[in-house]
N, C-alpha and C. Protein backbone atom coordinates (compact mmCIF):
# COMPACT_ATOMS: atom_id res chain seq x y z
N UNK A 1 -12.44 2.88 29.90
CA UNK A 1 -11.97 3.49 29.01
C UNK A 1 -11.54 2.24 27.84
N UNK A 2 -10.33 1.57 27.54
CA UNK A 2 -10.25 1.14 26.23
C UNK A 2 -11.56 -0.32 26.56
N UNK A 3 -11.50 -0.90 27.48
CA UNK A 3 -12.70 -2.00 27.67
C UNK A 3 -13.90 -1.47 27.18
N UNK A 4 -14.41 -0.49 27.06
CA UNK A 4 -15.12 0.08 26.42
C UNK A 4 -16.11 -0.26 24.78
N UNK A 5 -14.68 -0.63 24.53
CA UNK A 5 -14.93 -0.75 22.57
C UNK A 5 -15.73 -1.61 22.12
N UNK A 6 -16.87 -1.78 21.58
CA UNK A 6 -16.89 -3.04 20.58
C UNK A 6 -15.78 -4.03 19.85
N UNK A 7 -16.74 -5.36 19.43
CA UNK A 7 -15.62 -5.57 18.31
C UNK A 7 -15.48 -5.00 17.11
N UNK A 8 -16.69 -4.32 16.26
CA UNK A 8 -16.64 -3.36 15.80
C UNK A 8 -15.55 -2.34 15.77
N UNK A 9 -15.70 -1.81 16.44
CA UNK A 9 -14.27 -0.51 16.85
C UNK A 9 -12.95 -1.00 16.69
N UNK A 10 -13.19 -1.66 17.67
CA UNK A 10 -11.73 -2.84 17.70
C UNK A 10 -10.99 -3.62 16.35
N UNK A 11 -12.34 -3.88 15.34
CA UNK A 11 -11.87 -3.54 14.18
C UNK A 11 -11.14 -2.94 13.46
N UNK A 12 -12.34 -1.79 12.89
CA UNK A 12 -10.94 -1.16 12.66
C UNK A 12 -10.28 -0.44 12.80
N UNK A 13 -9.78 0.11 14.67
CA UNK A 13 -9.07 0.48 15.13
C UNK A 13 -7.52 -0.72 14.39
N UNK A 14 -7.61 -2.01 14.78
CA UNK A 14 -6.60 -2.72 14.53
C UNK A 14 -5.91 -2.69 12.52
N UNK A 15 -7.33 -2.61 11.71
CA UNK A 15 -6.98 -2.72 10.35
C UNK A 15 -6.45 -1.41 10.19
N UNK A 16 -5.86 -0.04 10.75
CA UNK A 16 -5.78 0.95 10.85
C UNK A 16 -4.24 1.05 10.95
N UNK A 17 -4.07 0.26 12.71
CA UNK A 17 -2.98 0.45 12.73
C UNK A 17 -1.86 -0.71 11.61
N UNK A 18 -3.03 -1.75 11.82
CA UNK A 18 -1.70 -3.26 10.48
C UNK A 18 -1.11 -2.81 9.24
N UNK A 19 -2.20 -1.17 8.88
CA UNK A 19 -1.46 0.09 7.53
C UNK A 19 -0.71 0.54 7.77
N UNK A 20 -0.53 0.99 9.29
CA UNK A 20 0.52 1.98 10.01
C UNK A 20 -0.73 2.99 9.17
N UNK A 21 -1.37 3.58 8.86
CA UNK A 21 -1.70 5.00 8.82
C UNK A 21 -2.04 6.07 10.52
N UNK A 22 -0.84 6.35 10.72
CA UNK A 22 -0.19 6.51 11.89
C UNK A 22 -0.03 8.99 11.16
N UNK A 23 -0.53 8.73 10.15
CA UNK A 23 -0.23 10.65 9.61
C UNK A 23 -0.54 10.97 8.60
N UNK A 24 -1.20 12.56 8.80
CA UNK A 24 -2.71 12.78 7.29
C UNK A 24 -1.75 12.48 6.33
N UNK A 25 -0.63 11.47 6.54
CA UNK A 25 0.10 11.53 4.98
C UNK A 25 -0.76 9.56 4.44
N UNK A 26 -1.25 8.77 5.75
CA UNK A 26 -1.09 7.39 5.43
C UNK A 26 -2.46 6.78 5.67
N UNK A 27 -3.57 8.27 4.79
CA UNK A 27 -5.12 7.77 6.02
C UNK A 27 -5.49 6.99 5.20
N UNK A 28 -6.52 6.07 5.08
CA UNK A 28 -6.96 4.95 4.66
C UNK A 28 -8.95 5.40 4.74
N UNK A 29 -9.26 5.18 3.61
CA UNK A 29 -10.12 5.53 2.71
C UNK A 29 -11.62 5.10 3.56
N UNK A 30 -12.49 6.27 3.55
CA UNK A 30 -13.36 6.03 4.39
C UNK A 30 -14.41 4.84 3.21
N UNK A 31 -14.86 4.45 1.89
CA UNK A 31 -14.87 3.50 0.58
C UNK A 31 -14.06 2.81 1.15
N UNK A 32 -13.71 2.45 1.50
CA UNK A 32 -12.44 0.99 1.72
C UNK A 32 -12.66 0.19 2.78
N UNK A 33 -12.95 1.63 3.78
CA UNK A 33 -12.83 0.79 4.90
C UNK A 33 -14.22 0.21 5.87
N UNK A 34 -15.22 0.89 4.95
CA UNK A 34 -16.38 -0.08 5.57
C UNK A 34 -16.17 -0.93 4.09
N UNK A 35 -16.60 -1.30 2.90
CA UNK A 35 -16.72 -2.03 2.53
C UNK A 35 -15.69 -3.26 3.21
N UNK A 36 -14.61 -3.28 4.02
CA UNK A 36 -13.85 -4.19 4.79
C UNK A 36 -14.56 -4.66 5.93
N UNK A 37 -15.68 -3.31 6.33
CA UNK A 37 -15.89 -3.02 7.47
C UNK A 37 -17.38 -4.71 7.60
N UNK A 38 -17.78 -4.12 6.25
CA UNK A 38 -19.84 -5.15 6.11
C UNK A 38 -18.41 -6.58 5.46
N UNK A 39 -17.13 -6.74 5.04
CA UNK A 39 -16.92 -7.69 4.95
C UNK A 39 -17.37 -8.99 5.73
N UNK A 40 -17.27 -8.15 6.83
CA UNK A 40 -16.70 -8.81 7.98
C UNK A 40 -17.57 -8.83 8.93
N UNK A 41 -18.73 -7.85 8.91
CA UNK A 41 -20.14 -7.89 10.27
C UNK A 41 -20.65 -7.48 8.81
N UNK A 42 -22.13 -8.31 8.47
CA UNK A 42 -22.75 -8.40 7.40
C UNK A 42 -23.76 -8.03 7.85
N UNK A 43 -24.02 -9.13 9.60
CA UNK A 43 -24.99 -9.19 10.24
C UNK A 43 -25.95 -7.77 10.68
N UNK A 44 -27.12 -7.90 10.57
CA UNK A 44 -27.97 -6.33 10.95
C UNK A 44 -27.63 -6.18 12.21
N UNK A 45 -27.19 -7.03 13.47
CA UNK A 45 -26.83 -6.88 15.20
C UNK A 45 -26.02 -6.41 15.39
N UNK A 46 -25.42 -5.55 14.22
CA UNK A 46 -23.14 -5.26 14.36
C UNK A 46 -23.95 -3.42 14.17
N UNK A 47 -23.37 -3.14 15.07
CA UNK A 47 -23.16 -1.09 14.40
C UNK A 47 -22.93 -1.35 13.27
N UNK A 48 -23.01 -0.07 12.03
CA UNK A 48 -23.10 0.88 11.23
C UNK A 48 -21.20 1.12 11.40
N UNK A 49 -21.14 0.85 10.29
CA UNK A 49 -19.87 1.21 10.06
C UNK A 49 -18.61 2.62 10.69
N UNK A 50 -19.83 3.55 10.16
CA UNK A 50 -19.73 4.89 10.51
C UNK A 50 -20.15 4.92 11.95
N UNK A 51 -21.01 3.83 12.78
CA UNK A 51 -21.10 3.98 14.51
C UNK A 51 -19.71 4.25 14.83
N UNK A 52 -19.23 3.00 14.26
CA UNK A 52 -18.03 2.44 14.78
C UNK A 52 -17.09 3.56 14.91
N UNK A 53 -16.69 4.44 13.55
CA UNK A 53 -15.78 5.28 12.96
C UNK A 53 -16.20 6.54 14.41
N UNK A 54 -17.41 6.73 14.28
CA UNK A 54 -18.25 7.46 15.57
C UNK A 54 -17.31 7.86 17.11
N UNK A 55 -17.51 6.75 17.17
CA UNK A 55 -16.80 6.49 18.45
C UNK A 55 -15.25 6.77 18.43
N UNK A 56 -15.12 5.76 17.64
CA UNK A 56 -13.76 6.16 17.24
C UNK A 56 -13.05 7.33 18.10
N UNK A 57 -13.34 8.22 16.97
CA UNK A 57 -13.33 9.85 16.42
C UNK A 57 -13.92 10.26 18.15
N UNK A 58 -14.58 10.29 18.67
CA UNK A 58 -15.19 10.74 19.95
C UNK A 58 -14.22 10.28 21.14
N UNK A 59 -13.62 9.15 21.22
CA UNK A 59 -12.73 8.93 21.62
C UNK A 59 -11.60 9.15 21.67
N UNK A 60 -11.19 9.58 20.65
CA UNK A 60 -9.88 10.17 20.29
C UNK A 60 -8.38 8.88 20.01
N UNK A 61 -9.31 7.74 19.37
CA UNK A 61 -7.99 6.98 18.63
C UNK A 61 -7.54 7.56 17.14
N UNK A 62 -9.26 7.89 16.35
CA UNK A 62 -8.48 8.12 14.80
C UNK A 62 -8.93 10.12 14.78
N UNK A 63 -8.69 10.31 13.91
CA UNK A 63 -9.14 11.64 13.47
C UNK A 63 -9.58 11.69 12.22
N UNK A 64 -9.92 12.37 11.37
CA UNK A 64 -10.64 12.50 10.11
C UNK A 64 -10.04 13.90 9.57
N UNK A 65 -9.24 12.67 7.77
CA UNK A 65 -8.96 14.36 7.25
C UNK A 65 -9.79 13.74 6.34
N UNK A 66 -10.28 15.55 6.32
CA UNK A 66 -11.10 15.93 5.02
C UNK A 66 -10.43 16.39 3.88
N UNK A 67 -11.14 15.45 3.37
CA UNK A 67 -11.30 15.16 1.98
C UNK A 67 -12.59 15.01 0.87
N UNK A 68 -12.38 15.31 -0.71
CA UNK A 68 -13.55 14.62 -1.85
C UNK A 68 -14.19 13.52 -0.94
N UNK A 69 -13.42 12.23 -0.27
CA UNK A 69 -13.93 11.57 0.25
C UNK A 69 -13.01 11.36 2.17
N UNK A 70 -13.62 11.31 2.37
CA UNK A 70 -13.06 10.80 3.94
C UNK A 70 -11.63 9.85 4.11
N UNK A 71 -11.15 10.52 4.81
CA UNK A 71 -9.42 9.52 4.98
C UNK A 71 -9.92 9.07 6.86
N UNK A 72 -9.18 8.24 7.39
CA UNK A 72 -9.22 7.72 8.77
C UNK A 72 -7.86 7.75 9.10
N UNK A 73 -6.89 7.73 10.06
CA UNK A 73 -5.42 7.90 10.09
C UNK A 73 -6.02 7.26 12.75
N UNK A 74 -4.21 7.38 12.63
CA UNK A 74 -4.57 7.18 14.18
C UNK A 74 -3.87 8.10 14.68
N UNK A 75 -4.42 8.74 15.63
CA UNK A 75 -4.18 9.96 16.68
C UNK A 75 -3.25 10.01 17.41
N UNK A 76 -3.52 8.11 18.10
CA UNK A 76 -2.33 8.07 19.29
C UNK A 76 -1.65 6.46 19.69
N UNK A 77 -1.13 6.89 18.53
CA UNK A 77 -0.51 5.21 18.59
C UNK A 77 -0.34 4.55 19.50
N UNK A 78 -0.15 4.82 20.25
CA UNK A 78 0.23 4.16 21.94
C UNK A 78 -1.20 4.15 22.70
N UNK A 79 -2.03 4.60 22.54
CA UNK A 79 -3.44 4.69 23.00
C UNK A 79 -3.86 3.03 22.30
N UNK A 80 -4.24 3.21 20.85
CA UNK A 80 -4.42 2.66 20.10
C UNK A 80 -3.84 0.67 20.52
N UNK A 81 -2.19 0.78 20.43
CA UNK A 81 -1.52 -0.17 20.91
C UNK A 81 -2.42 -0.75 22.50
N UNK A 82 -1.75 -0.12 23.40
CA UNK A 82 -1.95 -0.52 24.51
C UNK A 82 -3.91 -1.37 24.25
N UNK A 83 -4.73 -0.50 23.83
CA UNK A 83 -5.94 -1.06 23.68
C UNK A 83 -6.16 -1.78 22.90
N UNK A 84 -5.16 -2.34 22.16
CA UNK A 84 -5.42 -3.68 21.04
C UNK A 84 -5.12 -5.11 22.09
N UNK A 85 -4.05 -4.93 23.05
CA UNK A 85 -2.85 -5.75 23.88
C UNK A 85 -3.90 -5.65 24.38
N UNK A 86 -4.37 -5.15 24.92
CA UNK A 86 -5.65 -5.30 26.04
C UNK A 86 -6.48 -6.40 25.65
N UNK A 87 -7.01 -6.11 24.28
CA UNK A 87 -8.11 -7.03 24.56
C UNK A 87 -7.72 -7.76 22.85
N UNK A 88 -6.66 -8.37 23.30
CA UNK A 88 -5.79 -9.50 22.86
C UNK A 88 -5.33 -10.28 21.75
N UNK A 89 -5.13 -8.26 21.06
CA UNK A 89 -4.03 -8.84 19.99
C UNK A 89 -3.09 -8.68 20.18
N UNK A 90 -2.43 -9.42 18.82
CA UNK A 90 -1.02 -9.12 18.52
C UNK A 90 -0.50 -7.68 17.79
N UNK A 91 0.56 -6.58 18.34
CA UNK A 91 0.48 -6.08 17.79
C UNK A 91 2.30 -6.04 17.74
N UNK A 92 2.68 -5.75 16.37
CA UNK A 92 4.39 -5.52 16.79
C UNK A 92 5.16 -4.82 17.63
N UNK A 93 4.62 -3.21 18.24
CA UNK A 93 5.10 -3.31 18.68
C UNK A 93 5.20 -3.08 19.88
N UNK A 94 4.30 -4.13 20.57
CA UNK A 94 3.98 -4.97 21.79
C UNK A 94 4.26 -3.93 22.84
N UNK A 95 3.70 -3.99 24.26
CA UNK A 95 4.08 -3.82 25.69
C UNK A 95 4.48 -4.18 26.65
């Protein structure tokens, strides 16, 4: 399950976790998310930002807020924390 996530998807998951994007009022703009993603993963060998977001959407980690410009938030905080801890990320809520 969580061990199948790539470095790119974990970066996005960690970014949403750090910004506490956990409900519909705290969504993160897709353009800013992809800009930060592009700064970190500029080489062609990585997944595109939209592909990484699609994986997280399909796995149930994040949810899309449909607005003029799409926004995303963590739909399952416990699952996100467990996955981040499993992959060596430090979370304040810890497990």
